[in-house]
Structure formats: C-alpha cells, structure tokens
Amino acid sequence: MGAAEIDVMDLATRASEALAVEVARSGWGLVKERIARFLTRHEPEAAERQLADLDAAAENGSDGDGAHDALRAQCFWQLGACLQRNPDAVEELEQLLVELGDGGRTTGSVMNANGNTGSVVIQASGNVSTGQGSIAASTWPKR
C-alpha cells in the first residue's frame, strides 16, 4: 500500500497504540530504539528533540494509568507529523507495526479488565445493546 493510498492519521493512530502497548509489554528502552531508528532515518535533524519529547511523555506517565495515554498521544502527534512531511515513510512504519505483532491491521481499542474476580466482562467493537432494558453494574456482597 503506497503513501497516496493510506490515511496518515489512521496509521499514526494504529502505530501510536501499538507502540504504547509494546512499551507496556517490553519497556520503553526497547521501543525507543525502534522509534529512534525510524525517526533518525526520516527526520535526522529533529530526531533527538522528538526522542526527548517521547522520553518525557514516558517518564511523566510512568506512575500509573497516565503512562499509556501520555505516550500514545505523544507518539500519535510525532508520527502523524513525520508521515505528513515524509510520505515515503509509510511502508517502513507499516513494517514496524508488523514487527511489533500488530500486523498493521488493528481495529478498535485495547481493553484490560483487572480485579474482576467473579464478574462478567463484556467487550464489543461498538455499542452494546440489550434490545430492551439496560445493563447494570453491581458488586456482590462480601462474605
């Protein structure tokens, strides 16, 4: 798929999500190396500054749930801008997604359900409807 045939913002969205997920799995150091190679090849004059911005996002969000969102947002903006300035980088970024296990075809969101012992978790790619009534959330009384 060529640069002219792809939605750059869609690719930046998929890439930023895949990179943030990979950071959660493998750590920032390993992912940073891959992003550094990509940015240095396509924007050598700005790569150092861009990596510093990504480092700051990874560090600022390292204290909990904000890590994923902060890094994903920073990756989105930097990769989207890079792709707009360098449309020839599309195929390389697609390949990076394949290497990360995304296959370049992620749809929807990543969901984590933690602390859900004895509960039902529903994950859908869109709205969930019961047809009538509602879906109620409650907790079981502790014994």
N, C-alpha and C. Protein backbone atom coordinates (compact mmCIF):
# COMPACT_ATOMS: atom_id res chain seq x y z
N MET A 1 0.86 -1.17 0.00
CA MET A 1 0.00 0.00 0.00
C MET A 1 0.90 1.22 0.00
N GLY A 2 0.71 2.11 -0.95
CA GLY A 2 1.54 3.29 -1.08
C GLY A 2 1.07 4.42 -0.20
N ALA A 3 1.92 5.44 -0.09
CA ALA A 3 1.61 6.59 0.76
C ALA A 3 0.35 7.30 0.32
N ALA A 4 0.11 7.34 -1.00
CA ALA A 4 -1.05 8.04 -1.53
C ALA A 4 -2.35 7.31 -1.21
N GLU A 5 -2.26 6.01 -0.90
CA GLU A 5 -3.45 5.19 -0.67
C GLU A 5 -3.81 5.03 0.80
N ILE A 6 -3.07 5.64 1.70
CA ILE A 6 -3.29 5.40 3.12
C ILE A 6 -3.70 6.67 3.84
N ASP A 7 -4.54 6.51 4.84
CA ASP A 7 -4.93 7.62 5.71
C ASP A 7 -3.83 7.76 6.76
N VAL A 8 -3.07 8.84 6.66
CA VAL A 8 -1.91 9.05 7.52
C VAL A 8 -2.31 9.08 8.99
N MET A 9 -3.41 9.74 9.30
CA MET A 9 -3.83 9.83 10.70
C MET A 9 -4.29 8.48 11.24
N ASP A 10 -4.89 7.65 10.38
CA ASP A 10 -5.26 6.31 10.80
C ASP A 10 -4.01 5.50 11.11
N LEU A 11 -3.01 5.60 10.26
CA LEU A 11 -1.76 4.88 10.51
C LEU A 11 -1.08 5.40 11.77
N ALA A 12 -1.06 6.71 11.97
CA ALA A 12 -0.46 7.27 13.18
C ALA A 12 -1.21 6.79 14.43
N THR A 13 -2.53 6.68 14.33
CA THR A 13 -3.33 6.18 15.45
C THR A 13 -2.98 4.73 15.76
N ARG A 14 -2.98 3.90 14.72
CA ARG A 14 -2.65 2.48 14.92
C ARG A 14 -1.23 2.31 15.46
N ALA A 15 -0.30 3.07 14.90
CA ALA A 15 1.10 2.96 15.33
C ALA A 15 1.28 3.41 16.76
N SER A 16 0.68 4.53 17.12
CA SER A 16 0.85 5.03 18.49
C SER A 16 0.26 4.07 19.51
N GLU A 17 -0.87 3.47 19.19
CA GLU A 17 -1.47 2.49 20.10
C GLU A 17 -0.59 1.24 20.21
N ALA A 18 -0.11 0.74 19.07
CA ALA A 18 0.74 -0.45 19.09
C ALA A 18 2.04 -0.20 19.85
N LEU A 19 2.62 0.98 19.66
CA LEU A 19 3.86 1.31 20.37
C LEU A 19 3.62 1.43 21.87
N ALA A 20 2.53 2.06 22.27
CA ALA A 20 2.23 2.19 23.70
C ALA A 20 1.96 0.82 24.33
N VAL A 21 1.29 -0.05 23.61
CA VAL A 21 1.05 -1.41 24.12
C VAL A 21 2.37 -2.15 24.25
N GLU A 22 3.24 -2.00 23.26
CA GLU A 22 4.53 -2.68 23.31
C GLU A 22 5.39 -2.14 24.46
N VAL A 23 5.29 -0.86 24.76
CA VAL A 23 6.01 -0.29 25.91
C VAL A 23 5.53 -0.97 27.18
N ALA A 24 4.23 -1.19 27.31
CA ALA A 24 3.68 -1.85 28.49
C ALA A 24 4.21 -3.28 28.60
N ARG A 25 4.42 -3.94 27.46
CA ARG A 25 4.91 -5.32 27.47
C ARG A 25 6.42 -5.40 27.64
N SER A 26 7.16 -4.62 26.86
CA SER A 26 8.61 -4.77 26.77
C SER A 26 9.42 -3.69 27.45
N GLY A 27 8.80 -2.58 27.76
CA GLY A 27 9.52 -1.47 28.35
C GLY A 27 9.89 -0.41 27.33
N TRP A 28 10.08 0.81 27.81
CA TRP A 28 10.35 1.94 26.94
C TRP A 28 11.67 1.82 26.20
N GLY A 29 12.69 1.27 26.84
CA GLY A 29 14.02 1.18 26.21
C GLY A 29 14.01 0.46 24.88
N LEU A 30 13.35 -0.68 24.81
CA LEU A 30 13.31 -1.46 23.56
C LEU A 30 12.52 -0.76 22.47
N VAL A 31 11.40 -0.19 22.85
CA VAL A 31 10.56 0.51 21.87
C VAL A 31 11.25 1.79 21.40
N LYS A 32 11.92 2.46 22.31
CA LYS A 32 12.62 3.70 21.98
C LYS A 32 13.67 3.45 20.89
N GLU A 33 14.38 2.33 20.96
CA GLU A 33 15.38 2.01 19.94
C GLU A 33 14.74 1.93 18.55
N ARG A 34 13.59 1.31 18.46
CA ARG A 34 12.90 1.17 17.17
C ARG A 34 12.41 2.52 16.65
N ILE A 35 11.82 3.31 17.55
CA ILE A 35 11.34 4.63 17.14
C ILE A 35 12.52 5.51 16.74
N ALA A 36 13.62 5.41 17.49
CA ALA A 36 14.82 6.21 17.19
C ALA A 36 15.33 5.91 15.79
N ARG A 37 15.39 4.64 15.42
CA ARG A 37 15.85 4.27 14.07
C ARG A 37 14.93 4.86 13.01
N PHE A 38 13.62 4.74 13.25
CA PHE A 38 12.65 5.26 12.29
C PHE A 38 12.78 6.78 12.14
N LEU A 39 12.78 7.50 13.26
CA LEU A 39 12.85 8.96 13.21
C LEU A 39 14.18 9.44 12.64
N THR A 40 15.27 8.81 13.00
CA THR A 40 16.59 9.22 12.52
C THR A 40 16.70 9.05 11.01
N ARG A 41 16.08 8.01 10.50
CA ARG A 41 16.12 7.79 9.04
C ARG A 41 15.30 8.82 8.28
N HIS A 42 14.19 9.26 8.86
CA HIS A 42 13.28 10.13 8.12
C HIS A 42 13.36 11.60 8.51
N GLU A 43 13.78 11.90 9.72
CA GLU A 43 13.91 13.29 10.16
C GLU A 43 15.15 13.44 11.04
N PRO A 44 16.33 13.24 10.46
CA PRO A 44 17.55 13.23 11.27
C PRO A 44 17.79 14.52 12.05
N GLU A 45 17.40 15.65 11.49
CA GLU A 45 17.64 16.93 12.15
C GLU A 45 16.73 17.14 13.37
N ALA A 46 15.60 16.44 13.43
CA ALA A 46 14.65 16.62 14.53
C ALA A 46 14.56 15.41 15.45
N ALA A 47 15.22 14.32 15.11
CA ALA A 47 15.06 13.07 15.85
C ALA A 47 15.42 13.19 17.31
N GLU A 48 16.50 13.88 17.63
CA GLU A 48 16.93 14.00 19.03
C GLU A 48 15.87 14.72 19.87
N ARG A 49 15.34 15.81 19.35
CA ARG A 49 14.29 16.55 20.05
C ARG A 49 13.02 15.71 20.20
N GLN A 50 12.65 15.00 19.13
CA GLN A 50 11.46 14.17 19.18
C GLN A 50 11.60 13.06 20.21
N LEU A 51 12.78 12.45 20.27
CA LEU A 51 13.01 11.39 21.25
C LEU A 51 12.98 11.95 22.68
N ALA A 52 13.49 13.15 22.87
CA ALA A 52 13.43 13.78 24.19
C ALA A 52 11.98 14.00 24.60
N ASP A 53 11.14 14.42 23.65
CA ASP A 53 9.72 14.60 23.95
C ASP A 53 9.06 13.27 24.32
N LEU A 54 9.42 12.21 23.60
CA LEU A 54 8.87 10.89 23.90
C LEU A 54 9.37 10.39 25.26
N ASP A 55 10.65 10.64 25.55
CA ASP A 55 11.20 10.27 26.86
C ASP A 55 10.41 10.95 27.98
N ALA A 56 10.14 12.23 27.80
CA ALA A 56 9.40 12.99 28.81
C ALA A 56 7.99 12.43 28.99
N ALA A 57 7.34 12.08 27.90
CA ALA A 57 5.99 11.50 27.99
C ALA A 57 6.03 10.16 28.71
N ALA A 58 7.02 9.34 28.39
CA ALA A 58 7.14 8.02 29.03
C ALA A 58 7.45 8.18 30.52
N GLU A 59 8.31 9.14 30.85
CA GLU A 59 8.69 9.36 32.24
C GLU A 59 7.55 9.98 33.05
N ASN A 60 6.87 10.97 32.49
CA ASN A 60 5.78 11.65 33.20
C ASN A 60 4.61 10.73 33.48
N GLY A 61 4.37 9.79 32.59
CA GLY A 61 3.24 8.90 32.78
C GLY A 61 3.59 7.60 33.45
N SER A 62 4.83 7.45 33.92
CA SER A 62 5.27 6.17 34.46
C SER A 62 4.68 5.84 35.82
N ASP A 63 3.90 6.73 36.39
CA ASP A 63 3.37 6.49 37.73
C ASP A 63 1.95 5.95 37.73
N GLY A 64 1.53 5.31 36.65
CA GLY A 64 0.20 4.69 36.67
C GLY A 64 -0.47 4.70 35.31
N ASP A 65 -1.79 4.87 35.34
CA ASP A 65 -2.60 4.79 34.14
C ASP A 65 -2.25 5.83 33.09
N GLY A 66 -1.67 6.94 33.51
CA GLY A 66 -1.34 8.00 32.57
C GLY A 66 -0.22 7.64 31.62
N ALA A 67 0.57 6.62 31.93
CA ALA A 67 1.72 6.25 31.09
C ALA A 67 1.27 5.90 29.68
N HIS A 68 0.32 5.04 29.58
CA HIS A 68 -0.15 4.58 28.28
C HIS A 68 -0.71 5.75 27.46
N ASP A 69 -1.56 6.55 28.07
CA ASP A 69 -2.20 7.65 27.37
C ASP A 69 -1.21 8.75 26.97
N ALA A 70 -0.31 9.09 27.86
CA ALA A 70 0.66 10.15 27.57
C ALA A 70 1.58 9.75 26.43
N LEU A 71 2.08 8.54 26.48
CA LEU A 71 2.99 8.08 25.43
C LEU A 71 2.26 7.89 24.11
N ARG A 72 1.06 7.35 24.17
CA ARG A 72 0.27 7.16 22.95
C ARG A 72 -0.01 8.50 22.27
N ALA A 73 -0.37 9.50 23.05
CA ALA A 73 -0.67 10.82 22.48
C ALA A 73 0.58 11.44 21.86
N GLN A 74 1.71 11.35 22.55
CA GLN A 74 2.94 11.92 22.01
C GLN A 74 3.37 11.21 20.74
N CYS A 75 3.27 9.87 20.72
CA CYS A 75 3.60 9.10 19.52
C CYS A 75 2.67 9.48 18.37
N PHE A 76 1.39 9.62 18.66
CA PHE A 76 0.42 9.97 17.62
C PHE A 76 0.83 11.27 16.93
N TRP A 77 1.09 12.32 17.72
CA TRP A 77 1.40 13.62 17.12
C TRP A 77 2.73 13.59 16.38
N GLN A 78 3.72 12.95 16.95
CA GLN A 78 5.02 12.94 16.29
C GLN A 78 5.03 12.07 15.04
N LEU A 79 4.43 10.89 15.12
CA LEU A 79 4.41 10.02 13.95
C LEU A 79 3.52 10.59 12.86
N GLY A 80 2.37 11.16 13.24
CA GLY A 80 1.48 11.77 12.25
C GLY A 80 2.17 12.90 11.50
N ALA A 81 2.87 13.77 12.24
CA ALA A 81 3.59 14.89 11.60
C ALA A 81 4.72 14.37 10.72
N CYS A 82 5.43 13.37 11.20
CA CYS A 82 6.53 12.78 10.41
C CYS A 82 6.00 12.20 9.11
N LEU A 83 4.89 11.48 9.18
CA LEU A 83 4.31 10.87 7.97
C LEU A 83 3.80 11.92 6.99
N GLN A 84 3.26 13.00 7.51
CA GLN A 84 2.80 14.06 6.60
C GLN A 84 3.96 14.73 5.89
N ARG A 85 5.07 14.90 6.59
CA ARG A 85 6.25 15.51 5.97
C ARG A 85 7.03 14.52 5.10
N ASN A 86 6.90 13.22 5.42
CA ASN A 86 7.68 12.18 4.73
C ASN A 86 6.77 11.03 4.32
N PRO A 87 5.95 11.21 3.29
CA PRO A 87 5.02 10.14 2.91
C PRO A 87 5.72 8.83 2.52
N ASP A 88 7.00 8.91 2.17
CA ASP A 88 7.73 7.69 1.83
C ASP A 88 8.01 6.82 3.06
N ALA A 89 7.73 7.33 4.27
CA ALA A 89 7.97 6.57 5.50
C ALA A 89 6.82 5.63 5.85
N VAL A 90 5.73 5.71 5.11
CA VAL A 90 4.54 4.90 5.41
C VAL A 90 4.86 3.41 5.43
N GLU A 91 5.52 2.92 4.41
CA GLU A 91 5.79 1.47 4.34
C GLU A 91 6.69 1.01 5.48
N GLU A 92 7.67 1.83 5.84
CA GLU A 92 8.55 1.45 6.95
C GLU A 92 7.79 1.41 8.27
N LEU A 93 6.89 2.35 8.49
CA LEU A 93 6.11 2.33 9.72
C LEU A 93 5.15 1.13 9.73
N GLU A 94 4.57 0.82 8.59
CA GLU A 94 3.73 -0.38 8.49
C GLU A 94 4.54 -1.63 8.84
N GLN A 95 5.78 -1.70 8.38
CA GLN A 95 6.65 -2.84 8.68
C GLN A 95 6.97 -2.90 10.17
N LEU A 96 7.18 -1.74 10.79
CA LEU A 96 7.43 -1.69 12.22
C LEU A 96 6.23 -2.25 12.99
N LEU A 97 5.03 -1.94 12.53
CA LEU A 97 3.83 -2.48 13.17
C LEU A 97 3.78 -4.00 13.04
N VAL A 98 4.16 -4.51 11.88
CA VAL A 98 4.19 -5.96 11.69
C VAL A 98 5.17 -6.59 12.67
N GLU A 99 6.35 -5.98 12.81
CA GLU A 99 7.36 -6.49 13.74
C GLU A 99 6.87 -6.48 15.19
N LEU A 100 6.04 -5.50 15.52
CA LEU A 100 5.50 -5.41 16.88
C LEU A 100 4.33 -6.37 17.10
N GLY A 101 3.93 -7.07 16.05
CA GLY A 101 2.84 -8.03 16.19
C GLY A 101 1.48 -7.46 15.88
N ASP A 102 1.44 -6.21 15.44
CA ASP A 102 0.17 -5.57 15.12
C ASP A 102 -0.32 -5.98 13.75
N GLY A 103 0.59 -6.31 12.85
CA GLY A 103 0.21 -6.66 11.50
C GLY A 103 -0.33 -5.49 10.73
N GLY A 104 -0.30 -4.31 11.32
CA GLY A 104 -0.79 -3.13 10.63
C GLY A 104 -2.30 -3.10 10.45
N ARG A 105 -3.02 -3.92 11.19
CA ARG A 105 -4.46 -4.03 10.96
C ARG A 105 -5.28 -3.92 12.24
N THR A 106 -4.80 -3.21 13.23
CA THR A 106 -5.53 -3.09 14.48
C THR A 106 -6.83 -2.32 14.27
N THR A 107 -7.89 -2.83 14.84
CA THR A 107 -9.14 -2.09 14.85
C THR A 107 -9.64 -2.06 16.27
N GLY A 108 -10.35 -1.04 16.64
CA GLY A 108 -10.89 -0.96 17.98
C GLY A 108 -9.85 -0.55 18.99
N SER A 109 -10.15 -0.83 20.23
CA SER A 109 -9.29 -0.42 21.33
C SER A 109 -8.75 -1.64 22.05
N VAL A 110 -7.72 -1.40 22.82
CA VAL A 110 -7.20 -2.43 23.69
C VAL A 110 -7.94 -2.29 25.01
N MET A 111 -8.33 -3.41 25.58
CA MET A 111 -9.07 -3.37 26.84
C MET A 111 -8.37 -4.24 27.86
N ASN A 112 -8.27 -3.75 29.06
CA ASN A 112 -7.76 -4.52 30.18
C ASN A 112 -8.85 -4.60 31.23
N ALA A 113 -9.05 -5.78 31.78
CA ALA A 113 -10.00 -5.95 32.87
C ALA A 113 -9.22 -6.49 34.06
N ASN A 114 -9.00 -5.66 35.04
CA ASN A 114 -8.22 -6.04 36.21
C ASN A 114 -9.12 -6.11 37.44
N GLY A 115 -8.79 -7.04 38.34
CA GLY A 115 -9.55 -7.14 39.58
C GLY A 115 -10.99 -7.52 39.37
N ASN A 116 -11.25 -8.35 38.39
CA ASN A 116 -12.63 -8.66 38.03
C ASN A 116 -13.03 -10.07 38.46
N THR A 117 -12.52 -10.56 39.54
CA THR A 117 -12.85 -11.89 40.02
C THR A 117 -14.35 -12.00 40.29
N GLY A 118 -14.95 -13.03 39.76
CA GLY A 118 -16.37 -13.25 39.99
C GLY A 118 -17.27 -12.27 39.25
N SER A 119 -16.77 -11.71 38.14
CA SER A 119 -17.58 -10.74 37.42
C SER A 119 -17.66 -11.10 35.95
N VAL A 120 -18.52 -10.41 35.25
CA VAL A 120 -18.68 -10.60 33.82
C VAL A 120 -18.08 -9.38 33.13
N VAL A 121 -17.29 -9.62 32.09
CA VAL A 121 -16.69 -8.53 31.33
C VAL A 121 -17.18 -8.64 29.90
N ILE A 122 -17.72 -7.55 29.38
CA ILE A 122 -18.22 -7.52 28.01
C ILE A 122 -17.32 -6.58 27.22
N GLN A 123 -16.80 -7.08 26.12
CA GLN A 123 -16.01 -6.23 25.24
C GLN A 123 -16.65 -6.28 23.87
N ALA A 124 -16.90 -5.12 23.29
CA ALA A 124 -17.52 -5.05 21.98
C ALA A 124 -16.82 -4.01 21.15
N SER A 125 -16.89 -4.16 19.84
CA SER A 125 -16.26 -3.18 18.96
C SER A 125 -17.15 -1.98 18.71
N GLY A 126 -18.30 -1.96 19.33
CA GLY A 126 -19.22 -0.83 19.18
C GLY A 126 -20.11 -0.75 20.41
N ASN A 127 -21.26 -0.15 20.25
CA ASN A 127 -22.20 -0.04 21.36
C ASN A 127 -22.79 -1.40 21.70
N VAL A 128 -23.08 -1.61 22.96
CA VAL A 128 -23.71 -2.84 23.42
C VAL A 128 -25.16 -2.51 23.75
N SER A 129 -26.07 -3.30 23.21
CA SER A 129 -27.49 -3.07 23.45
C SER A 129 -28.14 -4.36 23.91
N THR A 130 -29.06 -4.25 24.84
CA THR A 130 -29.81 -5.41 25.31
C THR A 130 -31.12 -5.57 24.56
N GLY A 131 -31.42 -4.64 23.68
CA GLY A 131 -32.70 -4.66 22.99
C GLY A 131 -33.74 -3.93 23.80
N GLN A 132 -33.88 -4.29 25.05
CA GLN A 132 -34.77 -3.62 25.99
C GLN A 132 -34.04 -3.55 27.32
N GLY A 133 -34.39 -2.62 28.12
CA GLY A 133 -33.80 -2.54 29.45
C GLY A 133 -32.39 -1.97 29.41
N SER A 134 -31.60 -2.37 30.38
CA SER A 134 -30.25 -1.82 30.49
C SER A 134 -29.29 -2.86 31.01
N ILE A 135 -28.05 -2.51 30.95
CA ILE A 135 -27.00 -3.35 31.54
C ILE A 135 -26.65 -2.72 32.87
N ALA A 136 -26.72 -3.50 33.92
CA ALA A 136 -26.45 -2.96 35.25
C ALA A 136 -25.10 -3.46 35.73
N ALA A 137 -24.40 -2.60 36.42
CA ALA A 137 -23.13 -2.98 37.05
C ALA A 137 -23.34 -2.98 38.55
N SER A 138 -22.90 -4.03 39.19
CA SER A 138 -23.01 -4.10 40.64
C SER A 138 -21.90 -4.98 41.18
N THR A 139 -21.80 -4.99 42.46
CA THR A 139 -20.82 -5.85 43.10
C THR A 139 -21.55 -6.85 43.98
N TRP A 140 -20.94 -7.99 44.14
CA TRP A 140 -21.52 -8.99 45.02
C TRP A 140 -21.17 -8.63 46.45
N PRO A 141 -22.07 -8.87 47.37
CA PRO A 141 -21.74 -8.58 48.77
C PRO A 141 -20.58 -9.47 49.24
N LYS A 142 -19.69 -8.92 50.03
CA LYS A 142 -18.58 -9.70 50.58
C LYS A 142 -19.08 -10.56 51.71
N ARG A 143 -18.54 -11.72 51.81
CA ARG A 143 -18.95 -12.65 52.88
C ARG A 143 -17.88 -12.72 53.92
